[in-house]
PDB file of N, CA and C in Angstrom:
ATOM      1  N   UNK A   1       0.885  -1.253  -0.419  1.00  0.00           N
ATOM      2  CA  UNK A   1      -0.228   0.412   0.165  1.00  0.00           C
ATOM      3  C   UNK A   1       0.548   1.162  -0.218  1.00  0.00           C
ATOM      4  N   UNK A   2       2.153   1.452   0.575  1.00  0.00           N
ATOM      5  CA  UNK A   2       2.881   2.462   0.725  1.00  0.00           C
ATOM      6  C   UNK A   2       3.880   2.695  -0.886  1.00  0.00           C
ATOM      7  N   UNK A   3       3.775   1.503  -1.518  1.00  0.00           N
ATOM      8  CA  UNK A   3       3.819   2.217  -2.563  1.00  0.00           C
ATOM      9  C   UNK A   3       3.386   2.954  -3.229  1.00  0.00           C
ATOM     10  N   UNK A   4       2.313   3.001  -3.696  1.00  0.00           N
ATOM     11  CA  UNK A   4       1.245   3.069  -4.347  1.00  0.00           C
ATOM     12  C   UNK A   4       1.478   4.847  -3.931  1.00  0.00           C
ATOM     13  N   UNK A   5       1.538   4.631  -2.331  1.00  0.00           N
ATOM     14  CA  UNK A   5       0.881   6.355  -2.025  1.00  0.00           C
ATOM     15  C   UNK A   5       2.580   7.379  -2.389  1.00  0.00           C
ATOM     16  N   UNK A   6       3.447   6.296  -2.337  1.00  0.00           N
ATOM     17  CA  UNK A   6       4.920   7.047  -2.496  1.00  0.00           C
ATOM     18  C   UNK A   6       5.590   7.148  -4.223  1.00  0.00           C
ATOM     19  N   UNK A   7       4.354   6.672  -5.035  1.00  0.00           N
ATOM     20  CA  UNK A   7       4.673   7.263  -6.801  1.00  0.00           C
ATOM     21  C   UNK A   7       4.151   7.712  -6.739  1.00  0.00           C
ATOM     22  N   UNK A   8       2.868   8.295  -6.526  1.00  0.00           N
ATOM     23  CA  UNK A   8       1.470   9.183  -6.859  1.00  0.00           C
ATOM     24  C   UNK A   8       3.166  10.139  -6.030  1.00  0.00           C
ATOM     25  N   UNK A   9       3.355  10.382  -4.602  1.00  0.00           N
ATOM     26  CA  UNK A   9       4.075  11.325  -3.765  1.00  0.00           C
ATOM     27  C   UNK A   9       5.014  12.041  -4.723  1.00  0.00           C
ATOM     28  N   UNK A  10       6.157  11.018  -5.056  1.00  0.00           N
ATOM     29  CA  UNK A  10       6.854  11.239  -6.370  1.00  0.00           C
ATOM     30  C   UNK A  10       6.749  11.738  -7.493  1.00  0.00           C
ATOM     31  N   UNK A  11       5.532  11.509  -8.271  1.00  0.00           N
ATOM     32  CA  UNK A  11       5.216  11.724  -9.483  1.00  0.00           C
ATOM     33  C   UNK A  11       4.709  13.232  -9.444  1.00  0.00           C
ATOM     34  N   UNK A  12       4.542  13.124  -8.719  1.00  0.00           N
ATOM     35  CA  UNK A  12       3.987  15.049  -8.431  1.00  0.00           C
ATOM     36  C   UNK A  12       4.560  16.554  -8.067  1.00  0.00           C
ATOM     37  N   UNK A  13       4.336  17.215  -9.003  1.00  0.00           N
ATOM     38  CA  UNK A  13       5.325  18.101  -9.340  1.00  0.00           C
ATOM     39  C   UNK A  13       5.279  19.557  -7.963  1.00  0.00           C
ATOM     40  N   UNK A  14       6.385  19.903  -7.476  1.00  0.00           N
ATOM     41  CA  UNK A  14       5.830  21.078  -6.443  1.00  0.00           C
ATOM     42  C   UNK A  14       5.766  20.121  -4.571  1.00  0.00           C
ATOM     43  N   UNK A  15       6.435  19.430  -4.857  1.00  0.00           N
ATOM     44  CA  UNK A  15       5.655  18.339  -3.896  1.00  0.00           C
ATOM     45  C   UNK A  15       5.779  18.729  -2.554  1.00  0.00           C
ATOM     46  N   UNK A  16       7.586  18.665  -2.380  1.00  0.00           N
ATOM     47  CA  UNK A  16       8.159  18.905  -1.619  1.00  0.00           C
ATOM     48  C   UNK A  16       8.364  20.514  -1.140  1.00  0.00           C
ATOM     49  N   UNK A  17       7.297  21.414  -0.971  1.00  0.00           N
ATOM     50  CA  UNK A  17       6.830  22.413  -0.075  1.00  0.00           C
ATOM     51  C   UNK A  17       6.000  21.895   0.768  1.00  0.00           C
ATOM     52  N   UNK A  18       5.115  21.025   0.623  1.00  0.00           N
ATOM     53  CA  UNK A  18       4.010  21.202   1.718  1.00  0.00           C
ATOM     54  C   UNK A  18       4.748  19.989   3.185  1.00  0.00           C
ATOM     55  N   UNK A  19       5.517  19.677   3.283  1.00  0.00           N
ATOM     56  CA  UNK A  19       6.343  19.033   4.102  1.00  0.00           C
ATOM     57  C   UNK A  19       7.021  20.752   5.458  1.00  0.00           C
ATOM     58  N   UNK A  20       7.423  21.319   4.019  1.00  0.00           N
ATOM     59  CA  UNK A  20       7.693  22.494   4.146  1.00  0.00           C
ATOM     60  C   UNK A  20       7.316  23.810   5.327  1.00  0.00           C
ATOM     61  N   UNK A  21       5.628  23.316   4.779  1.00  0.00           N
ATOM     62  CA  UNK A  21       4.713  24.721   4.546  1.00  0.00           C
ATOM     63  C   UNK A  21       4.223  23.717   6.260  1.00  0.00           C
ATOM     64  N   UNK A  22       3.778  23.227   6.634  1.00  0.00           N
ATOM     65  CA  UNK A  22       3.310  22.262   7.559  1.00  0.00           C
ATOM     66  C   UNK A  22       4.790  22.017   8.762  1.00  0.00           C
ATOM     67  N   UNK A  23       5.392  22.037   8.745  1.00  0.00           N
ATOM     68  CA  UNK A  23       6.774  22.512   9.354  1.00  0.00           C
ATOM     69  C   UNK A  23       6.168  24.380  10.579  1.00  0.00           C
ATOM     70  N   UNK A  24       6.049  25.369   9.374  1.00  0.00           N
ATOM     71  CA  UNK A  24       6.196  26.444   9.511  1.00  0.00           C
ATOM     72  C   UNK A  24       5.343  26.676  10.274  1.00  0.00           C
ATOM     73  N   UNK A  25       4.076  26.280   9.367  1.00  0.00           N
ATOM     74  CA  UNK A  25       2.734  26.102  10.339  1.00  0.00           C
ATOM     75  C   UNK A  25       2.466  25.861  11.838  1.00  0.00           C
ATOM     76  N   UNK A  26       2.972  24.088  12.174  1.00  0.00           N
ATOM     77  CA  UNK A  26       2.992  23.640  13.038  1.00  0.00           C
ATOM     78  C   UNK A  26       3.727  25.141  14.526  1.00  0.00           C
ATOM     79  N   UNK A  27       4.986  25.240  14.022  1.00  0.00           N
ATOM     80  CA  UNK A  27       5.737  26.510  15.143  1.00  0.00           C
ATOM     81  C   UNK A  27       5.227  27.302  14.974  1.00  0.00           C
ATOM     82  N   UNK A  28       4.537  28.353  13.932  1.00  0.00           N
ATOM     83  CA  UNK A  28       3.671  29.296  14.409  1.00  0.00           C
ATOM     84  C   UNK A  28       3.134  29.392  14.942  1.00  0.00           C
ATOM     85  N   UNK A  29       2.108  28.057  14.988  1.00  0.00           N
ATOM     86  CA  UNK A  29       1.199  28.303  15.848  1.00  0.00           C
ATOM     87  C   UNK A  29       0.962  27.857  17.615  1.00  0.00           C
ATOM     88  N   UNK A  30       2.488  27.390  17.352  1.00  0.00           N
ATOM     89  CA  UNK A  30       3.133  26.389  18.994  1.00  0.00           C
ATOM     90  C   UNK A  30       3.496  27.612  19.561  1.00  0.00           C
ATOM     91  N   UNK A  31       4.402  29.261  18.423  1.00  0.00           N
ATOM     92  CA  UNK A  31       5.170  30.201  19.156  1.00  0.00           C
ATOM     93  C   UNK A  31       3.645  30.894  19.201  1.00  0.00           C
ATOM     94  N   UNK A  32       2.602  31.541  18.832  1.00  0.00           N
ATOM     95  CA  UNK A  32       1.378  32.235  18.822  1.00  0.00           C
ATOM     96  C   UNK A  32       0.891  31.450  20.519  1.00  0.00           C
ATOM     97  N   UNK A  33       0.761  30.138  21.018  1.00  0.00           N
ATOM     98  CA  UNK A  33       0.385  30.073  21.971  1.00  0.00           C
ATOM     99  C   UNK A  33       0.789  29.477  23.182  1.00  0.00           C
ATOM    100  N   UNK A  34       2.567  29.594  23.315  1.00  0.00           N
ATOM    101  CA  UNK A  34       3.563  30.237  24.015  1.00  0.00           C
ATOM    102  C   UNK A  34       3.456  31.397  24.288  1.00  0.00           C
ATOM    103  N   UNK A  35       3.559  32.578  23.660  1.00  0.00           N
ATOM    104  CA  UNK A  35       3.436  34.373  23.743  1.00  0.00           C
ATOM    105  C   UNK A  35       1.633  33.951  24.111  1.00  0.00           C
ATOM    106  N   UNK A  36       1.066  33.732  24.127  1.00  0.00           N
ATOM    107  CA  UNK A  36      -0.203  34.383  24.980  1.00  0.00           C
ATOM    108  C   UNK A  36      -0.209  33.521  25.908  1.00  0.00           C
ATOM    109  N   UNK A  37       0.129  32.695  26.578  1.00  0.00           N
ATOM    110  CA  UNK A  37       0.367  31.633  27.986  1.00  0.00           C
ATOM    111  C   UNK A  37       1.286  32.816  28.449  1.00  0.00           C
ATOM    112  N   UNK A  38       2.593  33.530  28.016  1.00  0.00           N
ATOM    113  CA  UNK A  38       3.894  34.061  28.596  1.00  0.00           C
ATOM    114  C   UNK A  38       2.716  34.969  28.882  1.00  0.00           C
ATOM    115  N   UNK A  39       2.115  35.926  27.858  1.00  0.00           N
ATOM    116  CA  UNK A  39       1.247  37.415  28.482  1.00  0.00           C
ATOM    117  C   UNK A  39       0.381  36.961  28.850  1.00  0.00           C
ATOM    118  N   UNK A  40      -0.463  35.775  29.717  1.00  0.00           N
ATOM    119  CA  UNK A  40      -1.484  35.761  30.627  1.00  0.00           C
ATOM    120  C   UNK A  40      -1.317  36.333  31.615  1.00  0.00           C
ATOM    121  N   UNK A  41      -2.310  36.888  32.184  1.00  0.00           N
ATOM    122  CA  UNK A  41      -2.492  37.718  33.877  1.00  0.00           C
ATOM    123  C   UNK A  41      -2.262  36.442  34.776  1.00  0.00           C
ATOM    124  N   UNK A  42      -1.362  36.952  35.772  1.00  0.00           N
ATOM    125  CA  UNK A  42      -1.514  35.733  36.986  1.00  0.00           C
ATOM    126  C   UNK A  42      -2.675  35.698  37.725  1.00  0.00           C
ATOM    127  N   UNK A  43      -3.540  36.322  37.973  1.00  0.00           N
ATOM    128  CA  UNK A  43      -5.013  36.437  38.319  1.00  0.00           C
ATOM    129  C   UNK A  43      -6.017  35.793  37.157  1.00  0.00           C
ATOM    130  N   UNK A  44      -5.864  35.442  35.917  1.00  0.00           N
ATOM    131  CA  UNK A  44      -5.952  34.702  34.826  1.00  0.00           C
ATOM    132  C   UNK A  44      -5.993  33.543  35.162  1.00  0.00           C
ATOM    133  N   UNK A  45      -4.377  33.327  35.650  1.00  0.00           N
ATOM    134  CA  UNK A  45      -4.096  31.998  35.232  1.00  0.00           C
ATOM    135  C   UNK A  45      -4.537  30.945  36.818  1.00  0.00           C
ATOM    136  N   UNK A  46      -4.906  32.085  37.913  1.00  0.00           N
ATOM    137  CA  UNK A  46      -4.922  30.871  38.320  1.00  0.00           C
ATOM    138  C   UNK A  46      -6.849  31.522  38.263  1.00  0.00           C
ATOM    139  N   UNK A  47      -7.837  32.232  37.714  1.00  0.00           N
ATOM    140  CA  UNK A  47      -8.784  31.921  38.027  1.00  0.00           C
ATOM    141  C   UNK A  47      -9.156  30.586  36.660  1.00  0.00           C
ATOM    142  N   UNK A  48      -8.368  30.589  36.138  1.00  0.00           N
ATOM    143  CA  UNK A  48      -7.820  29.643  35.014  1.00  0.00           C
ATOM    144  C   UNK A  48      -8.433  27.857  36.378  1.00  0.00           C
ATOM    145  N   UNK A  49      -6.888  27.888  36.902  1.00  0.00           N
ATOM    146  CA  UNK A  49      -6.401  26.472  37.202  1.00  0.00           C
ATOM    147  C   UNK A  49      -7.929  26.374  38.043  1.00  0.00           C
ATOM    148  N   UNK A  50      -8.413  27.245  38.644  1.00  0.00           N
ATOM    149  CA  UNK A  50      -9.418  26.959  40.421  1.00  0.00           C
ATOM    150  C   UNK A  50     -11.071  26.329  39.364  1.00  0.00           C
ATOM    151  N   UNK A  51     -11.042  27.103  38.145  1.00  0.00           N
ATOM    152  CA  UNK A  51     -12.440  26.918  37.568  1.00  0.00           C
ATOM    153  C   UNK A  51     -12.711  24.328  37.561  1.00  0.00           C
ATOM    154  N   UNK A  52     -12.230  24.665  37.603  1.00  0.00           N
ATOM    155  CA  UNK A  52     -12.619  22.813  37.826  1.00  0.00           C
ATOM    156  C   UNK A  52     -12.900  22.412  39.469  1.00  0.00           C
ATOM    157  N   UNK A  53     -12.201  23.473  40.391  1.00  0.00           N
ATOM    158  CA  UNK A  53     -13.320  23.135  41.751  1.00  0.00           C
ATOM    159  C   UNK A  53     -14.207  23.985  41.991  1.00  0.00           C
ATOM    160  N   UNK A  54     -14.307  24.900  41.080  1.00  0.00           N
ATOM    161  CA  UNK A  54     -15.665  25.759  41.757  1.00  0.00           C
ATOM    162  C   UNK A  54     -16.933  25.189  40.830  1.00  0.00           C
ATOM    163  N   UNK A  55     -16.596  24.676  39.746  1.00  0.00           N
ATOM    164  CA  UNK A  55     -17.784  23.454  39.419  1.00  0.00           C
ATOM    165  C   UNK A  55     -18.167  22.599  39.564  1.00  0.00           C
ATOM    166  N   UNK A  56     -17.233  21.637  40.029  1.00  0.00           N
ATOM    167  CA  UNK A  56     -17.468  20.815  41.718  1.00  0.00           C
ATOM    168  C   UNK A  56     -18.552  20.758  42.808  1.00  0.00           C
ATOM    169  N   UNK A  57     -17.325  22.483  42.994  1.00  0.00           N
ATOM    170  CA  UNK A  57     -18.648  22.946  44.954  1.00  0.00           C
ATOM    171  C   UNK A  57     -19.129  22.685  44.125  1.00  0.00           C
ATOM    172  N   UNK A  58     -19.833  23.786  43.693  1.00  0.00           N
ATOM    173  CA  UNK A  58     -21.118  24.431  42.755  1.00  0.00           C
ATOM    174  C   UNK A  58     -22.210  23.369  42.003  1.00  0.00           C
ATOM    175  N   UNK A  59     -21.831  22.035  41.889  1.00  0.00           N
ATOM    176  CA  UNK A  59     -22.617  20.976  41.629  1.00  0.00           C
ATOM    177  C   UNK A  59     -22.828  20.261  42.680  1.00  0.00           C
ATOM    178  N   UNK A  60     -22.515  20.001  43.564  1.00  0.00           N
ATOM    179  CA  UNK A  60     -21.993  19.399  44.704  1.00  0.00           C
ATOM    180  C   UNK A  60     -23.111  20.134  45.836  1.00  0.00           C
ATOM    181  N   UNK A  61     -23.605  21.704  45.264  1.00  0.00           N
ATOM    182  CA  UNK A  61     -24.497  22.156  46.628  1.00  0.00           C
ATOM    183  C   UNK A  61     -25.450  21.991  45.082  1.00  0.00           C
ATOM    184  N   UNK A  62     -25.542  22.114  44.266  1.00  0.00           N
ATOM    185  CA  UNK A  62     -26.748  21.900  43.987  1.00  0.00           C
ATOM    186  C   UNK A  62     -27.356  21.128  43.894  1.00  0.00           C
ATOM    187  N   UNK A  63     -26.704  19.314  43.814  1.00  0.00           N
ATOM    188  CA  UNK A  63     -27.446  18.208  44.084  1.00  0.00           C
ATOM    189  C   UNK A  63     -27.460  18.011  45.682  1.00  0.00           C
ATOM    190  N   UNK A  64     -27.118  19.132  46.967  1.00  0.00           N
ATOM    191  CA  UNK A  64     -27.816  19.423  48.173  1.00  0.00           C
ATOM    192  C   UNK A  64     -29.027  19.976  48.278  1.00  0.00           C
ATOM    193  N   UNK A  65     -28.798  20.913  47.573  1.00  0.00           N
ATOM    194  CA  UNK A  65     -30.175  21.824  47.688  1.00  0.00           C
ATOM    195  C   UNK A  65     -31.154  20.974  47.050  1.00  0.00           C
ATOM    196  N   UNK A  66     -30.978  20.073  45.937  1.00  0.00           N
ATOM    197  CA  UNK A  66     -32.536  18.987  46.018  1.00  0.00           C
ATOM    198  C   UNK A  66     -32.933  18.075  46.706  1.00  0.00           C
ATOM    199  N   UNK A  67     -31.545  17.772  47.856  1.00  0.00           N
ATOM    200  CA  UNK A  67     -31.961  17.179  48.256  1.00  0.00           C
ATOM    201  C   UNK A  67     -32.797  17.374  49.271  1.00  0.00           C
TER     202      UNK A  67
END
């Protein structure tokens, strides 16, 4: 199966740009996400880190109120 794919890919003109394009795209996306996380404020990080705990506490309060 791989030889059919390999043969088709080698016969295409300009195919060598796609791996380079995907590497640049991945690197650019990773750099943007890293920059976003780096510039995020400490209060936002603390707020986001407490979200799962707040949800559990609200969920248990709702269950207790219904009982």
